[in-house]
Amino acid sequence: MKRYDEVLVALRRIIRATDLHSKQLSKTSGLTAPQLLILQTLRHNDDMTVGEVARKVSLSQATVTTIIDRLEKRGYAVRERGSSDKRKVYVHLTEEAHKALMNAPRPLQESFIRQFQDLQEWEQTMILSSLERVAYMMDAQHIDASPVLDVGALDRIGNNSPTEHSSGNP
């Protein structure tokens, strides 16, 4: 096997592992990985605006707004105007969200982060550099992404419809 084939196989394994975990997460909790990330962020940080959430999870404000809209429709989040500054709108979790978070499985990236942090500094730097180069080679440096391992559109509805996961694109 040529070296580039080995690289493509490794990339496909990463995409497949992410896809399988994403489907399992959606099946067991009814949430997508980005939804879970935003819920966890809101649980650990009180009084956040959509913009603050977006910065914290490294996604665009438009993407986070769409995800929060869906969480709100499911009864997991509410928006409230600030009492001191009426221009600011804060996002808060509902009791339903707290229950969902208690039962939700751990995100795939938690295991990755633990193992990555166990590596030597030079190994971490090499992996980061290599993956950034791969992203550039795939013309993916401009794609909106957050530190969450998931496939498909980040603001999709978490209902396992076949079109959501059919592209195989992270």
C-alpha atoms as a PDB file:
ATOM      1  CA  MET A   1       0.000   0.000   0.000  1.00  0.00           C
ATOM      2  CA  LYS A   2       1.311   3.434  -0.899  1.00  0.00           C
ATOM      3  CA  ARG A   3       1.927   5.855   1.942  1.00  0.00           C
ATOM      4  CA  TYR A   4      -0.830   8.231   0.751  1.00  0.00           C
ATOM      5  CA  ASP A   5      -3.248   5.296   0.803  1.00  0.00           C
ATOM      6  CA  GLU A   6      -2.254   4.589   4.399  1.00  0.00           C
ATOM      7  CA  VAL A   7      -2.912   8.241   5.285  1.00  0.00           C
ATOM      8  CA  LEU A   8      -6.320   8.127   3.589  1.00  0.00           C
ATOM      9  CA  VAL A   9      -7.181   4.895   5.436  1.00  0.00           C
ATOM     10  CA  ALA A  10      -6.207   6.512   8.753  1.00  0.00           C
ATOM     11  CA  LEU A  11      -8.347   9.563   7.943  1.00  0.00           C
ATOM     12  CA  ARG A  12     -11.264   7.314   6.990  1.00  0.00           C
ATOM     13  CA  ARG A  13     -10.923   5.439  10.301  1.00  0.00           C
ATOM     14  CA  ILE A  14     -11.075   8.730  12.200  1.00  0.00           C
ATOM     15  CA  ILE A  15     -14.149   9.823  10.252  1.00  0.00           C
ATOM     16  CA  ARG A  16     -15.797   6.424  10.757  1.00  0.00           C
ATOM     17  CA  ALA A  17     -15.082   6.367  14.518  1.00  0.00           C
ATOM     18  CA  THR A  18     -16.517   9.862  14.794  1.00  0.00           C
ATOM     19  CA  ASP A  19     -19.591   8.880  12.770  1.00  0.00           C
ATOM     20  CA  LEU A  20     -20.238   5.769  14.873  1.00  0.00           C
ATOM     21  CA  HIS A  21     -19.892   7.702  18.117  1.00  0.00           C
ATOM     22  CA  SER A  22     -22.124  10.481  16.803  1.00  0.00           C
ATOM     23  CA  LYS A  23     -24.854   7.969  15.924  1.00  0.00           C
ATOM     24  CA  GLN A  24     -24.550   6.299  19.329  1.00  0.00           C
ATOM     25  CA  LEU A  25     -24.752   9.673  21.089  1.00  0.00           C
ATOM     26  CA  SER A  26     -27.850  10.631  19.111  1.00  0.00           C
ATOM     27  CA  LYS A  27     -29.443   7.236  19.715  1.00  0.00           C
ATOM     28  CA  THR A  28     -28.858   7.200  23.475  1.00  0.00           C
ATOM     29  CA  SER A  29     -29.442  10.873  24.293  1.00  0.00           C
ATOM     30  CA  GLY A  30     -31.267  12.364  21.323  1.00  0.00           C
ATOM     31  CA  LEU A  31     -28.565  15.028  21.136  1.00  0.00           C
ATOM     32  CA  THR A  32     -25.893  15.793  18.593  1.00  0.00           C
ATOM     33  CA  ALA A  33     -22.317  16.292  19.780  1.00  0.00           C
ATOM     34  CA  PRO A  34     -22.448  20.082  19.172  1.00  0.00           C
ATOM     35  CA  GLN A  35     -25.722  20.298  21.111  1.00  0.00           C
ATOM     36  CA  LEU A  36     -24.157  18.372  23.969  1.00  0.00           C
ATOM     37  CA  LEU A  37     -21.070  20.614  23.902  1.00  0.00           C
ATOM     38  CA  ILE A  38     -23.221  23.750  24.106  1.00  0.00           C
ATOM     39  CA  LEU A  39     -25.350  22.310  26.913  1.00  0.00           C
ATOM     40  CA  GLN A  40     -22.201  21.395  28.857  1.00  0.00           C
ATOM     41  CA  THR A  41     -20.760  24.862  28.259  1.00  0.00           C
ATOM     42  CA  LEU A  42     -23.926  26.496  29.553  1.00  0.00           C
ATOM     43  CA  ARG A  43     -23.975  24.180  32.581  1.00  0.00           C
ATOM     44  CA  HIS A  44     -20.454  25.264  33.573  1.00  0.00           C
ATOM     45  CA  ASN A  45     -20.849  28.994  32.809  1.00  0.00           C
ATOM     46  CA  ASP A  46     -23.710  31.098  34.138  1.00  0.00           C
ATOM     47  CA  ASP A  47     -25.158  34.088  32.317  1.00  0.00           C
ATOM     48  CA  MET A  48     -23.721  33.617  28.845  1.00  0.00           C
ATOM     49  CA  THR A  49     -24.878  35.361  25.697  1.00  0.00           C
ATOM     50  CA  VAL A  50     -24.983  33.485  22.395  1.00  0.00           C
ATOM     51  CA  GLY A  51     -21.814  35.323  21.339  1.00  0.00           C
ATOM     52  CA  GLU A  52     -20.008  34.241  24.499  1.00  0.00           C
ATOM     53  CA  VAL A  53     -21.094  30.638  23.953  1.00  0.00           C
ATOM     54  CA  ALA A  54     -19.896  30.834  20.340  1.00  0.00           C
ATOM     55  CA  ARG A  55     -16.459  32.073  21.410  1.00  0.00           C
ATOM     56  CA  LYS A  56     -16.200  29.420  24.131  1.00  0.00           C
ATOM     57  CA  VAL A  57     -16.983  26.519  21.759  1.00  0.00           C
ATOM     58  CA  SER A  58     -15.140  28.002  18.745  1.00  0.00           C
ATOM     59  CA  LEU A  59     -18.148  28.137  16.443  1.00  0.00           C
ATOM     60  CA  SER A  60     -19.719  31.011  14.567  1.00  0.00           C
ATOM     61  CA  GLN A  61     -22.461  32.938  16.294  1.00  0.00           C
ATOM     62  CA  ALA A  62     -24.876  31.967  13.492  1.00  0.00           C
ATOM     63  CA  THR A  63     -24.205  28.255  14.028  1.00  0.00           C
ATOM     64  CA  VAL A  64     -24.616  28.545  17.798  1.00  0.00           C
ATOM     65  CA  THR A  65     -27.814  30.565  17.355  1.00  0.00           C
ATOM     66  CA  THR A  66     -29.286  27.783  15.195  1.00  0.00           C
ATOM     67  CA  ILE A  67     -28.272  25.103  17.699  1.00  0.00           C
ATOM     68  CA  ILE A  68     -29.720  27.091  20.613  1.00  0.00           C
ATOM     69  CA  ASP A  69     -32.942  27.624  18.629  1.00  0.00           C
ATOM     70  CA  ARG A  70     -33.260  23.840  18.359  1.00  0.00           C
ATOM     71  CA  LEU A  71     -32.398  23.326  22.031  1.00  0.00           C
ATOM     72  CA  GLU A  72     -35.014  25.912  22.946  1.00  0.00           C
ATOM     73  CA  LYS A  73     -37.674  24.118  20.852  1.00  0.00           C
ATOM     74  CA  ARG A  74     -36.865  20.896  22.710  1.00  0.00           C
ATOM     75  CA  GLY A  75     -37.249  22.620  26.072  1.00  0.00           C
ATOM     76  CA  TYR A  76     -33.548  22.480  26.994  1.00  0.00           C
ATOM     77  CA  ALA A  77     -32.746  26.200  26.864  1.00  0.00           C
ATOM     78  CA  VAL A  78     -34.425  29.550  27.414  1.00  0.00           C
ATOM     79  CA  ARG A  79     -33.362  33.035  26.434  1.00  0.00           C
ATOM     80  CA  GLU A  80     -33.832  35.929  28.845  1.00  0.00           C
ATOM     81  CA  ARG A  81     -33.112  39.642  28.499  1.00  0.00           C
ATOM     82  CA  GLY A  82     -30.583  41.028  30.935  1.00  0.00           C
ATOM     83  CA  SER A  83     -31.989  42.915  33.887  1.00  0.00           C
ATOM     84  CA  SER A  84     -29.318  45.618  33.921  1.00  0.00           C
ATOM     85  CA  ASP A  85     -28.745  45.793  30.146  1.00  0.00           C
ATOM     86  CA  LYS A  86     -31.893  45.017  28.146  1.00  0.00           C
ATOM     87  CA  ARG A  87     -29.862  44.750  24.927  1.00  0.00           C
ATOM     88  CA  LYS A  88     -28.169  41.578  26.134  1.00  0.00           C
ATOM     89  CA  VAL A  89     -29.929  38.230  25.857  1.00  0.00           C
ATOM     90  CA  TYR A  90     -28.672  35.400  28.043  1.00  0.00           C
ATOM     91  CA  VAL A  91     -29.135  31.684  27.501  1.00  0.00           C
ATOM     92  CA  HIS A  92     -30.010  29.441  30.441  1.00  0.00           C
ATOM     93  CA  LEU A  93     -30.554  25.710  30.788  1.00  0.00           C
ATOM     94  CA  THR A  94     -33.867  24.265  31.842  1.00  0.00           C
ATOM     95  CA  GLU A  95     -34.378  21.467  34.340  1.00  0.00           C
ATOM     96  CA  GLU A  96     -34.951  19.142  31.368  1.00  0.00           C
ATOM     97  CA  ALA A  97     -31.483  20.003  30.062  1.00  0.00           C
ATOM     98  CA  HIS A  98     -29.888  19.194  33.409  1.00  0.00           C
ATOM     99  CA  LYS A  99     -31.645  15.802  33.402  1.00  0.00           C
ATOM    100  CA  ALA A 100     -30.511  15.120  29.829  1.00  0.00           C
ATOM    101  CA  LEU A 101     -26.919  16.019  30.731  1.00  0.00           C
ATOM    102  CA  MET A 102     -26.926  13.631  33.694  1.00  0.00           C
ATOM    103  CA  ASN A 103     -27.819  10.738  31.377  1.00  0.00           C
ATOM    104  CA  ALA A 104     -25.760  11.731  28.345  1.00  0.00           C
ATOM    105  CA  PRO A 105     -22.706   9.655  27.406  1.00  0.00           C
ATOM    106  CA  ARG A 106     -19.256  11.213  27.466  1.00  0.00           C
ATOM    107  CA  PRO A 107     -18.192  12.910  24.241  1.00  0.00           C
ATOM    108  CA  LEU A 108     -15.590  11.079  22.139  1.00  0.00           C
ATOM    109  CA  GLN A 109     -13.127  13.946  22.467  1.00  0.00           C
ATOM    110  CA  GLU A 110     -12.827  13.454  26.249  1.00  0.00           C
ATOM    111  CA  SER A 111     -10.948  10.175  25.745  1.00  0.00           C
ATOM    112  CA  PHE A 112      -8.853  11.758  23.011  1.00  0.00           C
ATOM    113  CA  ILE A 113      -7.961  14.742  25.196  1.00  0.00           C
ATOM    114  CA  ARG A 114      -6.849  12.510  28.073  1.00  0.00           C
ATOM    115  CA  GLN A 115      -4.577  10.474  25.815  1.00  0.00           C
ATOM    116  CA  PHE A 116      -3.302  13.528  23.924  1.00  0.00           C
ATOM    117  CA  GLN A 117      -2.316  15.247  27.177  1.00  0.00           C
ATOM    118  CA  ASP A 118      -0.284  12.173  28.137  1.00  0.00           C
ATOM    119  CA  LEU A 119       1.934  12.669  25.069  1.00  0.00           C
ATOM    120  CA  GLN A 120       5.205  14.548  25.169  1.00  0.00           C
ATOM    121  CA  GLU A 121       5.067  18.203  24.122  1.00  0.00           C
ATOM    122  CA  TRP A 122       6.974  17.492  20.893  1.00  0.00           C
ATOM    123  CA  GLU A 123       4.514  14.709  19.977  1.00  0.00           C
ATOM    124  CA  GLN A 124       1.553  17.025  20.533  1.00  0.00           C
ATOM    125  CA  THR A 125       3.177  19.684  18.353  1.00  0.00           C
ATOM    126  CA  MET A 126       3.908  17.186  15.565  1.00  0.00           C
ATOM    127  CA  ILE A 127       0.328  15.889  15.564  1.00  0.00           C
ATOM    128  CA  LEU A 128      -1.096  19.412  15.516  1.00  0.00           C
ATOM    129  CA  SER A 129       1.240  20.508  12.743  1.00  0.00           C
ATOM    130  CA  SER A 130       0.477  17.431  10.650  1.00  0.00           C
ATOM    131  CA  LEU A 131      -3.279  17.739  11.050  1.00  0.00           C
ATOM    132  CA  GLU A 132      -3.205  21.441  10.223  1.00  0.00           C
ATOM    133  CA  ARG A 133      -1.264  20.592   7.057  1.00  0.00           C
ATOM    134  CA  VAL A 134      -3.791  17.862   6.152  1.00  0.00           C
ATOM    135  CA  ALA A 135      -6.657  20.315   6.682  1.00  0.00           C
ATOM    136  CA  TYR A 136      -4.903  22.784   4.391  1.00  0.00           C
ATOM    137  CA  MET A 137      -4.274  20.082   1.771  1.00  0.00           C
ATOM    138  CA  MET A 138      -7.987  19.261   1.823  1.00  0.00           C
ATOM    139  CA  ASP A 139      -8.871  22.969   1.542  1.00  0.00           C
ATOM    140  CA  ALA A 140     -10.622  22.695   4.910  1.00  0.00           C
ATOM    141  CA  GLN A 141      -8.927  25.504   6.835  1.00  0.00           C
ATOM    142  CA  HIS A 142     -11.946  27.792   6.292  1.00  0.00           C
ATOM    143  CA  ILE A 143     -14.565  25.324   7.569  1.00  0.00           C
ATOM    144  CA  ASP A 144     -16.383  26.273  10.784  1.00  0.00           C
ATOM    145  CA  ALA A 145     -15.317  23.787  13.459  1.00  0.00           C
ATOM    146  CA  SER A 146     -15.259  23.378  17.194  1.00  0.00           C
ATOM    147  CA  PRO A 147     -13.283  21.099  19.503  1.00  0.00           C
ATOM    148  CA  VAL A 148     -15.971  18.430  19.239  1.00  0.00           C
ATOM    149  CA  LEU A 149     -15.679  15.197  17.298  1.00  0.00           C
ATOM    150  CA  ASP A 150     -18.796  14.897  15.162  1.00  0.00           C
ATOM    151  CA  VAL A 151     -19.752  14.479  11.524  1.00  0.00           C
ATOM    152  CA  GLY A 152     -22.259  16.359   9.406  1.00  0.00           C
ATOM    153  CA  ALA A 153     -23.509  19.890   9.722  1.00  0.00           C
ATOM    154  CA  LEU A 154     -22.906  21.254  13.219  1.00  0.00           C
ATOM    155  CA  ASP A 155     -26.352  22.826  13.411  1.00  0.00           C
ATOM    156  CA  ARG A 156     -28.340  19.831  12.184  1.00  0.00           C
ATOM    157  CA  ILE A 157     -31.321  18.395  13.976  1.00  0.00           C
ATOM    158  CA  GLY A 158     -30.340  15.415  16.125  1.00  0.00           C
ATOM    159  CA  ASN A 159     -32.783  12.844  14.808  1.00  0.00           C
ATOM    160  CA  ASN A 160     -30.659  10.317  12.892  1.00  0.00           C
ATOM    161  CA  SER A 161     -32.223  11.079   9.522  1.00  0.00           C
ATOM    162  CA  PRO A 162     -30.270   9.362   6.727  1.00  0.00           C
ATOM    163  CA  THR A 163     -29.435  12.620   4.990  1.00  0.00           C
ATOM    164  CA  GLU A 164     -27.698  14.008   8.027  1.00  0.00           C
ATOM    165  CA  HIS A 165     -24.862  11.501   7.997  1.00  0.00           C
ATOM    166  CA  SER A 166     -24.734  10.493   4.364  1.00  0.00           C
ATOM    167  CA  SER A 167     -21.987  12.838   3.226  1.00  0.00           C
ATOM    168  CA  GLY A 168     -19.322  11.481   5.561  1.00  0.00           C
ATOM    169  CA  ASN A 169     -17.776  14.936   5.771  1.00  0.00           C
ATOM    170  CA  PRO A 170     -16.614  16.119   9.185  1.00  0.00           C
END
